[in-house]
Amino acid sequence: MGGISRDEVINTRFFTFFKEYGRVDDGFALEKTYRSYLEQGHLAVNGALDWWRI
């Protein structure tokens, strides 16, 4: 189908994102950190959804 696998997305998303902005970071470490924060919960920050109303 020409797509990429779920594992490839997970393993490359942070590296690819930061590379677009001229930074080379450890994508695996960023993924691990992201997952650790995600496991702690997911509450919306006050005002975070206000931009939808613009």
PDB file of N, CA and C in Angstrom:
ATOM      1  N   MET A   1       0.802  -1.197   0.000  1.00  0.00           N
ATOM      2  CA  MET A   1       0.000   0.000   0.000  1.00  0.00           C
ATOM      3  C   MET A   1       0.848   1.266   0.000  1.00  0.00           C
ATOM      4  N   GLY A   2       2.120   1.154   0.261  1.00  0.00           N
ATOM      5  CA  GLY A   2       2.974   2.320   0.239  1.00  0.00           C
ATOM      6  C   GLY A   2       3.055   3.055   1.559  1.00  0.00           C
ATOM      7  N   GLY A   3       2.367   2.551   2.582  1.00  0.00           N
ATOM      8  CA  GLY A   3       2.402   3.187   3.896  1.00  0.00           C
ATOM      9  C   GLY A   3       3.565   2.669   4.720  1.00  0.00           C
ATOM     10  N   ILE A   4       3.633   3.153   5.939  1.00  0.00           N
ATOM     11  CA  ILE A   4       4.657   2.663   6.842  1.00  0.00           C
ATOM     12  C   ILE A   4       3.992   1.962   8.014  1.00  0.00           C
ATOM     13  N   SER A   5       4.730   1.123   8.662  1.00  0.00           N
ATOM     14  CA  SER A   5       4.170   0.340   9.757  1.00  0.00           C
ATOM     15  C   SER A   5       4.017   1.187  11.017  1.00  0.00           C
ATOM     16  N   ARG A   6       3.198   0.686  11.928  1.00  0.00           N
ATOM     17  CA  ARG A   6       2.994   1.353  13.215  1.00  0.00           C
ATOM     18  C   ARG A   6       4.323   1.487  13.957  1.00  0.00           C
ATOM     19  N   ASP A   7       5.101   0.408  13.959  1.00  0.00           N
ATOM     20  CA  ASP A   7       6.394   0.426  14.638  1.00  0.00           C
ATOM     21  C   ASP A   7       7.322   1.484  14.049  1.00  0.00           C
ATOM     22  N   GLU A   8       7.299   1.626  12.745  1.00  0.00           N
ATOM     23  CA  GLU A   8       8.150   2.632  12.105  1.00  0.00           C
ATOM     24  C   GLU A   8       7.719   4.045  12.507  1.00  0.00           C
ATOM     25  N   VAL A   9       6.424   4.277  12.571  1.00  0.00           N
ATOM     26  CA  VAL A   9       5.933   5.587  13.013  1.00  0.00           C
ATOM     27  C   VAL A   9       6.396   5.864  14.434  1.00  0.00           C
ATOM     28  N   ILE A  10       6.178   4.910  15.322  1.00  0.00           N
ATOM     29  CA  ILE A  10       6.549   5.077  16.730  1.00  0.00           C
ATOM     30  C   ILE A  10       8.050   5.288  16.880  1.00  0.00           C
ATOM     31  N   ASN A  11       8.831   4.561  16.116  1.00  0.00           N
ATOM     32  CA  ASN A  11      10.289   4.622  16.274  1.00  0.00           C
ATOM     33  C   ASN A  11      10.946   5.788  15.563  1.00  0.00           C
ATOM     34  N   THR A  12      10.219   6.496  14.702  1.00  0.00           N
ATOM     35  CA  THR A  12      10.852   7.582  13.946  1.00  0.00           C
ATOM     36  C   THR A  12      10.159   8.939  14.085  1.00  0.00           C
ATOM     37  N   ARG A  13       8.991   9.003  14.705  1.00  0.00           N
ATOM     38  CA  ARG A  13       8.224  10.254  14.684  1.00  0.00           C
ATOM     39  C   ARG A  13       8.941  11.426  15.329  1.00  0.00           C
ATOM     40  N   PHE A  14       9.573  11.234  16.471  1.00  0.00           N
ATOM     41  CA  PHE A  14      10.228  12.356  17.134  1.00  0.00           C
ATOM     42  C   PHE A  14      11.508  12.758  16.402  1.00  0.00           C
ATOM     43  N   PHE A  15      12.275  11.785  15.954  1.00  0.00           N
ATOM     44  CA  PHE A  15      13.474  12.089  15.176  1.00  0.00           C
ATOM     45  C   PHE A  15      13.106  12.876  13.922  1.00  0.00           C
ATOM     46  N   THR A  16      12.092  12.405  13.201  1.00  0.00           N
ATOM     47  CA  THR A  16      11.668  13.054  11.969  1.00  0.00           C
ATOM     48  C   THR A  16      11.151  14.460  12.228  1.00  0.00           C
ATOM     49  N   PHE A  17      10.344  14.640  13.258  1.00  0.00           N
ATOM     50  CA  PHE A  17       9.792  15.952  13.600  1.00  0.00           C
ATOM     51  C   PHE A  17      10.905  16.957  13.881  1.00  0.00           C
ATOM     52  N   PHE A  18      11.826  16.607  14.776  1.00  0.00           N
ATOM     53  CA  PHE A  18      12.878  17.547  15.146  1.00  0.00           C
ATOM     54  C   PHE A  18      13.865  17.778  14.014  1.00  0.00           C
ATOM     55  N   LYS A  19      14.084  16.782  13.178  1.00  0.00           N
ATOM     56  CA  LYS A  19      14.964  16.939  12.023  1.00  0.00           C
ATOM     57  C   LYS A  19      14.432  18.016  11.084  1.00  0.00           C
ATOM     58  N   GLU A  20      13.109  18.093  10.939  1.00  0.00           N
ATOM     59  CA  GLU A  20      12.483  19.121  10.098  1.00  0.00           C
ATOM     60  C   GLU A  20      12.798  20.532  10.595  1.00  0.00           C
ATOM     61  N   TYR A  21      13.102  20.663  11.873  1.00  0.00           N
ATOM     62  CA  TYR A  21      13.407  21.965  12.471  1.00  0.00           C
ATOM     63  C   TYR A  21      14.901  22.134  12.742  1.00  0.00           C
ATOM     64  N   GLY A  22      15.705  21.307  12.092  1.00  0.00           N
ATOM     65  CA  GLY A  22      17.141  21.458  12.168  1.00  0.00           C
ATOM     66  C   GLY A  22      17.798  20.901  13.417  1.00  0.00           C
ATOM     67  N   ARG A  23      17.083  20.084  14.153  1.00  0.00           N
ATOM     68  CA  ARG A  23      17.643  19.475  15.358  1.00  0.00           C
ATOM     69  C   ARG A  23      17.764  17.976  15.154  1.00  0.00           C
ATOM     70  N   VAL A  24      18.846  17.436  15.621  1.00  0.00           N
ATOM     71  CA  VAL A  24      19.019  15.984  15.597  1.00  0.00           C
ATOM     72  C   VAL A  24      18.997  15.518  17.043  1.00  0.00           C
ATOM     73  N   ASP A  25      17.963  14.799  17.387  1.00  0.00           N
ATOM     74  CA  ASP A  25      17.788  14.313  18.744  1.00  0.00           C
ATOM     75  C   ASP A  25      17.638  12.806  18.743  1.00  0.00           C
ATOM     76  N   ASP A  26      17.761  12.222  19.904  1.00  0.00           N
ATOM     77  CA  ASP A  26      17.597  10.784  20.078  1.00  0.00           C
ATOM     78  C   ASP A  26      16.106  10.463  20.096  1.00  0.00           C
ATOM     79  N   GLY A  27      15.581  10.042  18.970  1.00  0.00           N
ATOM     80  CA  GLY A  27      14.160   9.755  18.836  1.00  0.00           C
ATOM     81  C   GLY A  27      13.668   8.674  19.777  1.00  0.00           C
ATOM     82  N   PHE A  28      14.506   7.675  20.031  1.00  0.00           N
ATOM     83  CA  PHE A  28      14.108   6.596  20.945  1.00  0.00           C
ATOM     84  C   PHE A  28      13.963   7.121  22.371  1.00  0.00           C
ATOM     85  N   ALA A  29      14.895   7.967  22.795  1.00  0.00           N
ATOM     86  CA  ALA A  29      14.819   8.535  24.143  1.00  0.00           C
ATOM     87  C   ALA A  29      13.607   9.443  24.278  1.00  0.00           C
ATOM     88  N   LEU A  30      13.321  10.236  23.249  1.00  0.00           N
ATOM     89  CA  LEU A  30      12.153  11.113  23.283  1.00  0.00           C
ATOM     90  C   LEU A  30      10.856  10.309  23.335  1.00  0.00           C
ATOM     91  N   GLU A  31      10.797   9.219  22.601  1.00  0.00           N
ATOM     92  CA  GLU A  31       9.622   8.343  22.630  1.00  0.00           C
ATOM     93  C   GLU A  31       9.427   7.763  24.027  1.00  0.00           C
ATOM     94  N   LYS A  32      10.512   7.331  24.644  1.00  0.00           N
ATOM     95  CA  LYS A  32      10.449   6.766  25.984  1.00  0.00           C
ATOM     96  C   LYS A  32       9.952   7.814  26.988  1.00  0.00           C
ATOM     97  N   THR A  33      10.455   9.025  26.895  1.00  0.00           N
ATOM     98  CA  THR A  33      10.026  10.108  27.782  1.00  0.00           C
ATOM     99  C   THR A  33       8.554  10.436  27.555  1.00  0.00           C
ATOM    100  N   TYR A  34       8.154  10.537  26.292  1.00  0.00           N
ATOM    101  CA  TYR A  34       6.753  10.805  25.946  1.00  0.00           C
ATOM    102  C   TYR A  34       5.841   9.745  26.562  1.00  0.00           C
ATOM    103  N   ARG A  35       6.215   8.489  26.414  1.00  0.00           N
ATOM    104  CA  ARG A  35       5.405   7.392  26.960  1.00  0.00           C
ATOM    105  C   ARG A  35       5.309   7.466  28.482  1.00  0.00           C
ATOM    106  N   SER A  36       6.391   7.844  29.135  1.00  0.00           N
ATOM    107  CA  SER A  36       6.362   7.926  30.603  1.00  0.00           C
ATOM    108  C   SER A  36       5.411   9.025  31.061  1.00  0.00           C
ATOM    109  N   TYR A  37       5.387  10.156  30.347  1.00  0.00           N
ATOM    110  CA  TYR A  37       4.444  11.221  30.691  1.00  0.00           C
ATOM    111  C   TYR A  37       3.004  10.804  30.374  1.00  0.00           C
ATOM    112  N   LEU A  38       2.815  10.121  29.269  1.00  0.00           N
ATOM    113  CA  LEU A  38       1.479   9.683  28.876  1.00  0.00           C
ATOM    114  C   LEU A  38       0.902   8.710  29.897  1.00  0.00           C
ATOM    115  N   GLU A  39       1.728   7.876  30.465  1.00  0.00           N
ATOM    116  CA  GLU A  39       1.283   6.921  31.473  1.00  0.00           C
ATOM    117  C   GLU A  39       0.829   7.602  32.768  1.00  0.00           C
ATOM    118  N   GLN A  40       1.301   8.816  33.004  1.00  0.00           N
ATOM    119  CA  GLN A  40       0.956   9.542  34.229  1.00  0.00           C
ATOM    120  C   GLN A  40      -0.449  10.135  34.171  1.00  0.00           C
ATOM    121  N   GLY A  41      -1.001  10.283  33.002  1.00  0.00           N
ATOM    122  CA  GLY A  41      -2.348  10.825  32.869  1.00  0.00           C
ATOM    123  C   GLY A  41      -2.446  11.740  31.665  1.00  0.00           C
ATOM    124  N   HIS A  42      -3.643  12.236  31.442  1.00  0.00           N
ATOM    125  CA  HIS A  42      -3.864  13.070  30.267  1.00  0.00           C
ATOM    126  C   HIS A  42      -4.970  14.095  30.535  1.00  0.00           C
ATOM    127  N   LEU A  43      -4.697  15.036  31.383  1.00  0.00           N
ATOM    128  CA  LEU A  43      -5.653  16.096  31.662  1.00  0.00           C
ATOM    129  C   LEU A  43      -5.370  17.283  30.756  1.00  0.00           C
ATOM    130  N   ALA A  44      -6.417  17.899  30.282  1.00  0.00           N
ATOM    131  CA  ALA A  44      -6.251  19.080  29.441  1.00  0.00           C
ATOM    132  C   ALA A  44      -5.789  20.265  30.284  1.00  0.00           C
ATOM    133  N   VAL A  45      -4.917  21.049  29.724  1.00  0.00           N
ATOM    134  CA  VAL A  45      -4.434  22.263  30.366  1.00  0.00           C
ATOM    135  C   VAL A  45      -5.485  23.341  30.159  1.00  0.00           C
ATOM    136  N   ASN A  46      -5.764  24.119  31.197  1.00  0.00           N
ATOM    137  CA  ASN A  46      -6.746  25.204  31.070  1.00  0.00           C
ATOM    138  C   ASN A  46      -6.413  26.077  29.875  1.00  0.00           C
ATOM    139  N   GLY A  47      -7.405  26.314  29.025  1.00  0.00           N
ATOM    140  CA  GLY A  47      -7.234  27.162  27.852  1.00  0.00           C
ATOM    141  C   GLY A  47      -6.679  26.453  26.633  1.00  0.00           C
ATOM    142  N   ALA A  48      -6.286  25.190  26.770  1.00  0.00           N
ATOM    143  CA  ALA A  48      -5.657  24.477  25.657  1.00  0.00           C
ATOM    144  C   ALA A  48      -6.587  24.317  24.459  1.00  0.00           C
ATOM    145  N   LEU A  49      -7.884  24.237  24.713  1.00  0.00           N
ATOM    146  CA  LEU A  49      -8.820  24.034  23.604  1.00  0.00           C
ATOM    147  C   LEU A  49      -9.374  25.333  23.045  1.00  0.00           C
ATOM    148  N   ASP A  50      -9.000  26.460  23.626  1.00  0.00           N
ATOM    149  CA  ASP A  50      -9.503  27.750  23.145  1.00  0.00           C
ATOM    150  C   ASP A  50      -9.148  28.037  21.706  1.00  0.00           C
ATOM    151  N   TRP A  51      -8.014  27.535  21.244  1.00  0.00           N
ATOM    152  CA  TRP A  51      -7.599  27.818  19.874  1.00  0.00           C
ATOM    153  C   TRP A  51      -8.564  27.198  18.857  1.00  0.00           C
ATOM    154  N   TRP A  52      -9.349  26.194  19.252  1.00  0.00           N
ATOM    155  CA  TRP A  52     -10.350  25.612  18.351  1.00  0.00           C
ATOM    156  C   TRP A  52     -11.446  26.616  18.021  1.00  0.00           C
ATOM    157  N   ARG A  53     -11.661  27.558  18.915  1.00  0.00           N
ATOM    158  CA  ARG A  53     -12.747  28.519  18.745  1.00  0.00           C
ATOM    159  C   ARG A  53     -12.344  29.748  17.947  1.00  0.00           C
ATOM    160  N   ILE A  54     -11.081  29.841  17.573  1.00  0.00           N
ATOM    161  CA  ILE A  54     -10.581  31.021  16.838  1.00  0.00           C
ATOM    162  C   ILE A  54     -11.118  31.027  15.430  1.00  0.00           C
TER     163      ILE A  54
END
